[in-house]
Amino acid sequence: MSVIILQDEIIHYEVLGRGRPLVFLHDWVGSWRYWIPAMQAASISYRTYALDLWGFGDTAKSARHYSVEQQIDLLNDFMEKLGIGRVALVGHGFGAILSMLFAQRYSSLVDRLLAVSYPFSQETINPRLQSATPTELADWLLGRNSHEAAWAEACKADSKAILLTLAGLQNVELHALPALIQTPTLLVHGMNDPAIGIPDPNIISLLPEHLHHIIFEQSGHYPMLEETSKFNRLLSDFLNLSSSTSPRQLQVKEEWKRRVR
């Protein structure tokens, strides 16, 4: 267990591997824990970090840190504290939103971005996230028996952290945000995700060239756990693209086409 102190509070994170930096950001239901398979796969070539955001996992729980702005600042301060420069980001759900907001604000610091279960509107976010307890949400999306360690970590969340960050999204234009960032971005959604709805195809068709969308047809809210091998291969292919190459090049690779059938 690794920790740093920011604003006199404990921030928990884990790190694996050596190489260029890669940071994983978790969702409202979860913590750093469910990124372990992806971290292990990527750590062959990357120095991978996964941190618990304010109010989640083993990071400090204090409502004064629970705004969306405070969570963005946490990522920036974390990178500064550890001397992390230009980075690849992988975010999921709320972490996907934070990744995009961070890339918009600090474009020079983000080389590329993989956003899993990004909500393109408030309406695509299941209202159950605002009414259920962390344990109920973990039961619903993770399952106590299917992913026991990740489930236990998700239950540690402060319900106020979930509610206040959800409330803070009222000021975020979720539908417009992806097109505002200049970072090469890959969007991934699970076809059977009960928490975040799949974006309308008409919205996807209007995305700029440096954004690409892939659906995992056998996944729900956690493609990185439900189709682990496929997710890790896609992550590897995406990370291996040159910085100037559009992620849409992934779709013309016959090797990848065979993988996603």
Protein backbone atom coordinates (compact mmCIF):
# COMPACT_ATOMS: atom_id res chain seq x y z
CA MET A 1 0.00 0.00 0.00
CA SER A 2 1.46 3.35 -1.11
CA VAL A 3 0.31 6.73 0.15
CA ILE A 4 1.19 10.39 -0.27
CA ILE A 5 -0.02 13.38 1.72
CA LEU A 6 -1.91 16.13 -0.10
CA GLN A 7 -3.63 18.98 1.75
CA ASP A 8 -2.73 17.19 5.00
CA GLU A 9 -4.79 14.16 3.94
CA ILE A 10 -3.86 10.62 2.89
CA ILE A 11 -4.08 9.69 -0.79
CA HIS A 12 -3.81 5.98 -1.49
CA TYR A 13 -2.41 4.62 -4.75
CA GLU A 14 -0.70 1.55 -6.17
CA VAL A 15 2.01 1.34 -8.82
CA LEU A 16 3.39 -1.43 -11.04
CA GLY A 17 6.01 -1.64 -13.76
CA ARG A 18 8.52 0.64 -15.43
CA GLY A 19 8.41 2.88 -18.47
CA ARG A 20 6.18 5.69 -19.63
CA PRO A 21 3.49 6.70 -17.12
CA LEU A 22 -0.08 5.41 -17.35
CA VAL A 23 -2.72 6.44 -14.78
CA PHE A 24 -6.01 4.61 -14.14
CA LEU A 25 -9.01 6.43 -12.63
CA HIS A 26 -11.95 4.52 -11.15
CA ASP A 27 -15.71 5.00 -11.26
CA TRP A 28 -18.28 5.97 -8.61
CA VAL A 29 -18.64 2.27 -7.80
CA GLY A 30 -15.15 1.02 -7.14
CA SER A 31 -11.58 1.94 -6.31
CA TRP A 32 -8.10 1.29 -7.66
CA ARG A 33 -8.63 -2.45 -7.05
CA TYR A 34 -10.52 -3.46 -10.19
CA TRP A 35 -7.73 -2.09 -12.38
CA ILE A 36 -5.29 -4.81 -11.26
CA PRO A 37 -5.62 -7.03 -14.40
CA ALA A 38 -5.15 -4.04 -16.72
CA MET A 39 -2.26 -2.71 -14.63
CA GLN A 40 -0.51 -6.07 -14.70
CA ALA A 41 -0.88 -6.36 -18.47
CA ALA A 42 0.28 -2.80 -19.18
CA SER A 43 3.11 -2.83 -16.62
CA ILE A 44 5.30 -4.80 -19.04
CA SER A 45 5.93 -1.55 -20.94
CA TYR A 46 4.46 1.18 -18.71
CA ARG A 47 4.74 2.43 -15.16
CA THR A 48 1.13 2.08 -14.17
CA TYR A 49 -0.56 4.01 -11.37
CA ALA A 50 -4.07 3.62 -9.93
CA LEU A 51 -5.23 5.95 -7.19
CA ASP A 52 -8.28 6.20 -4.98
CA LEU A 53 -10.06 9.51 -5.51
CA TRP A 54 -11.25 11.68 -2.61
CA GLY A 55 -13.88 9.72 -0.66
CA PHE A 56 -13.15 6.32 -2.20
CA GLY A 57 -11.15 3.25 -1.22
CA ASP A 58 -8.42 4.10 1.28
CA THR A 59 -8.06 7.78 0.38
CA ALA A 60 -9.23 10.34 2.95
CA LYS A 61 -12.95 10.92 3.30
CA SER A 62 -13.75 14.57 3.86
CA ALA A 63 -16.70 16.25 2.15
CA ARG A 64 -14.73 19.45 1.55
CA HIS A 65 -12.79 17.57 -1.15
CA TYR A 66 -15.74 16.02 -2.97
CA SER A 67 -16.39 18.56 -5.71
CA VAL A 68 -15.50 17.70 -9.31
CA GLU A 69 -12.93 20.52 -9.23
CA GLN A 70 -11.25 19.05 -6.16
CA GLN A 71 -11.02 15.66 -7.84
CA ILE A 72 -9.39 17.23 -10.93
CA ASP A 73 -6.95 19.04 -8.66
CA LEU A 74 -6.20 15.75 -6.92
CA LEU A 75 -5.02 14.20 -10.18
CA ASN A 76 -2.90 17.24 -11.01
CA ASP A 77 -1.37 17.38 -7.53
CA PHE A 78 -0.77 13.63 -7.56
CA MET A 79 1.15 13.87 -10.83
CA GLU A 80 3.18 16.82 -9.59
CA LYS A 81 3.99 15.12 -6.28
CA LEU A 82 5.25 11.97 -7.99
CA GLY A 83 7.02 13.80 -10.80
CA ILE A 84 4.79 12.33 -13.51
CA GLY A 85 5.03 14.24 -16.77
CA ARG A 86 3.12 13.63 -19.99
CA VAL A 87 0.83 10.70 -19.32
CA ALA A 88 -1.68 8.29 -20.82
CA LEU A 89 -4.99 8.24 -18.92
CA VAL A 90 -7.52 5.43 -18.59
CA GLY A 91 -10.74 6.46 -16.89
CA HIS A 92 -13.97 4.63 -16.15
CA GLY A 93 -17.37 6.24 -15.56
CA PHE A 94 -16.66 9.16 -13.25
CA GLY A 95 -12.97 8.57 -13.90
CA ALA A 96 -13.62 8.92 -17.64
CA ILE A 97 -15.25 12.29 -17.03
CA LEU A 98 -12.33 13.42 -14.88
CA SER A 99 -9.88 12.26 -17.55
CA MET A 100 -11.59 14.36 -20.19
CA LEU A 101 -11.86 17.42 -17.98
CA PHE A 102 -8.19 17.05 -17.09
CA ALA A 103 -7.22 16.66 -20.75
CA GLN A 104 -9.21 19.76 -21.64
CA ARG A 105 -7.51 21.80 -18.94
CA TYR A 106 -4.00 20.34 -19.17
CA SER A 107 -3.77 19.23 -22.79
CA SER A 108 0.04 19.34 -22.81
CA LEU A 109 0.14 16.73 -20.02
CA VAL A 110 -2.04 14.07 -21.67
CA ASP A 111 -0.67 11.98 -24.53
CA ARG A 112 -3.79 9.87 -25.05
CA LEU A 113 -6.99 8.89 -23.27
CA LEU A 114 -9.09 5.74 -23.01
CA ALA A 115 -12.54 6.51 -21.60
CA VAL A 116 -14.70 3.56 -20.51
CA SER A 117 -18.44 4.03 -19.85
CA TYR A 118 -18.33 7.78 -20.47
CA PRO A 119 -21.87 9.26 -20.08
CA PHE A 120 -22.76 11.59 -22.95
CA SER A 121 -25.63 13.14 -20.97
CA GLN A 122 -27.15 13.21 -17.51
CA GLU A 123 -30.01 11.09 -18.85
CA THR A 124 -27.65 8.20 -19.63
CA ILE A 125 -26.61 7.96 -15.95
CA ASN A 126 -28.88 5.57 -14.07
CA PRO A 127 -30.56 7.49 -11.19
CA ARG A 128 -29.95 4.51 -8.92
CA LEU A 129 -26.42 5.86 -8.48
CA GLN A 130 -27.96 8.75 -6.53
CA SER A 131 -30.26 6.72 -4.28
CA ALA A 132 -28.49 3.46 -3.38
CA THR A 133 -25.80 2.94 -0.76
CA PRO A 134 -22.23 2.05 -1.85
CA THR A 135 -22.83 -1.57 -0.80
CA GLU A 136 -26.08 -1.75 -2.78
CA LEU A 137 -24.34 -0.29 -5.82
CA ALA A 138 -21.47 -2.76 -5.49
CA ASP A 139 -23.98 -5.64 -5.24
CA TRP A 140 -25.78 -4.35 -8.33
CA LEU A 141 -22.80 -3.72 -10.61
CA LEU A 142 -19.93 -5.86 -9.31
CA GLY A 143 -21.49 -8.74 -7.43
CA ARG A 144 -20.16 -9.92 -4.09
CA ASN A 145 -19.27 -13.38 -5.39
CA SER A 146 -18.05 -12.51 -8.89
CA HIS A 147 -15.44 -9.90 -7.93
CA GLU A 148 -15.10 -10.15 -4.15
CA ALA A 149 -11.98 -7.98 -3.68
CA ALA A 150 -13.22 -5.21 -5.97
CA TRP A 151 -16.66 -5.42 -4.32
CA ALA A 152 -15.16 -4.99 -0.84
CA GLU A 153 -13.16 -1.94 -1.92
CA ALA A 154 -16.19 -0.36 -3.62
CA CYS A 155 -18.14 -0.65 -0.37
CA LYS A 156 -15.61 1.64 1.35
CA ALA A 157 -16.83 4.68 -0.60
CA ASP A 158 -18.41 7.59 1.21
CA SER A 159 -21.94 7.97 -0.19
CA LYS A 160 -21.50 11.76 0.01
CA ALA A 161 -18.59 11.52 -2.44
CA ILE A 162 -20.86 9.80 -4.96
CA LEU A 163 -23.73 12.25 -4.46
CA LEU A 164 -21.65 15.43 -4.52
CA THR A 165 -19.67 14.47 -7.62
CA LEU A 166 -22.88 13.51 -9.42
CA ALA A 167 -24.39 16.85 -8.42
CA GLY A 168 -21.29 18.64 -9.69
CA LEU A 169 -21.89 17.30 -13.18
CA GLN A 170 -24.81 19.71 -13.57
CA ASN A 171 -22.21 22.27 -14.62
CA VAL A 172 -20.48 19.96 -17.10
CA GLU A 173 -21.65 19.76 -20.73
CA LEU A 174 -21.12 16.03 -21.03
CA HIS A 175 -22.33 15.83 -24.64
CA ALA A 176 -19.91 18.52 -25.82
CA LEU A 177 -16.83 17.65 -23.75
CA PRO A 178 -15.34 14.87 -25.95
CA ALA A 179 -15.24 17.12 -29.01
CA LEU A 180 -13.58 19.93 -27.03
CA ILE A 181 -10.42 18.00 -26.20
CA GLN A 182 -7.60 17.61 -28.70
CA THR A 183 -6.16 14.44 -27.17
CA PRO A 184 -6.43 11.18 -29.16
CA THR A 185 -9.27 9.40 -27.38
CA LEU A 186 -10.75 5.91 -27.49
CA LEU A 187 -14.27 5.49 -26.10
CA VAL A 188 -15.40 2.07 -24.88
CA HIS A 189 -18.89 1.07 -23.75
CA GLY A 190 -20.33 -2.24 -22.59
CA MET A 191 -23.44 -3.17 -24.57
CA ASN A 192 -25.20 -4.40 -21.40
CA ASP A 193 -24.15 -1.59 -19.04
CA PRO A 194 -27.02 -0.92 -16.59
CA ALA A 195 -25.36 2.17 -15.08
CA ILE A 196 -24.31 4.20 -18.15
CA GLY A 197 -26.31 4.12 -21.37
CA ILE A 198 -24.65 3.67 -24.76
CA PRO A 199 -24.47 6.95 -26.71
CA ASP A 200 -26.75 7.56 -29.67
CA PRO A 201 -25.08 6.51 -32.96
CA ASN A 202 -25.87 9.94 -34.39
CA ILE A 203 -23.72 11.52 -31.65
CA ILE A 204 -20.90 9.08 -32.32
CA SER A 205 -21.01 9.82 -36.06
CA LEU A 206 -20.29 13.50 -35.35
CA LEU A 207 -17.16 12.90 -33.28
CA PRO A 208 -13.93 14.36 -34.70
CA GLU A 209 -11.28 12.18 -36.31
CA HIS A 210 -9.13 11.90 -33.19
CA LEU A 211 -11.93 10.12 -31.29
CA HIS A 212 -13.04 6.53 -31.87
CA HIS A 213 -15.79 4.40 -30.31
CA ILE A 214 -15.83 0.64 -29.67
CA ILE A 215 -18.62 -1.40 -28.05
CA PHE A 216 -17.89 -4.56 -26.04
CA GLU A 217 -20.93 -6.66 -26.87
CA GLN A 218 -20.54 -9.13 -23.99
CA SER A 219 -19.83 -6.56 -21.26
CA GLY A 220 -21.83 -4.62 -18.73
CA HIS A 221 -20.33 -1.79 -16.67
CA TYR A 222 -16.85 -3.33 -16.25
CA PRO A 223 -15.36 -4.42 -19.60
CA MET A 224 -11.94 -4.58 -17.93
CA LEU A 225 -13.26 -7.37 -15.66
CA GLU A 226 -15.90 -9.00 -17.85
CA GLU A 227 -13.85 -9.28 -21.06
CA THR A 228 -10.42 -8.90 -19.54
CA SER A 229 -8.26 -10.37 -22.30
CA LYS A 230 -10.04 -8.39 -25.02
CA PHE A 231 -9.84 -5.18 -23.01
CA ASN A 232 -6.14 -5.62 -22.29
CA ARG A 233 -5.38 -6.32 -25.96
CA LEU A 234 -7.29 -3.23 -27.01
CA LEU A 235 -5.50 -1.16 -24.37
CA SER A 236 -2.15 -2.44 -25.65
CA ASP A 237 -3.02 -1.69 -29.28
CA PHE A 238 -4.17 1.80 -28.34
CA LEU A 239 -1.07 2.56 -26.27
CA ASN A 240 1.18 1.35 -29.08
CA LEU A 241 -0.24 3.84 -31.59
CA SER A 242 2.01 6.81 -32.25
CA SER A 243 0.85 10.07 -30.67
CA SER A 244 -0.05 11.51 -34.07
CA THR A 245 -2.14 8.50 -35.17
CA SER A 246 -5.93 8.57 -34.86
CA PRO A 247 -7.36 5.72 -32.75
CA ARG A 248 -9.67 5.07 -35.69
CA GLN A 249 -6.75 3.21 -37.21
CA LEU A 250 -7.59 0.41 -34.75
CA GLN A 251 -10.65 -0.50 -36.76
CA VAL A 252 -8.75 -1.18 -39.99
CA LYS A 253 -6.48 -3.80 -38.42
CA GLU A 254 -7.67 -7.25 -39.45
CA GLU A 255 -6.11 -8.69 -36.30
CA TRP A 256 -8.26 -6.44 -34.10
CA LYS A 257 -11.37 -7.06 -36.21
CA ARG A 258 -11.10 -10.77 -35.46
CA ARG A 259 -10.77 -10.02 -31.76
CA VAL A 260 -13.97 -7.98 -31.41
CA ARG A 261 -16.31 -10.37 -33.24
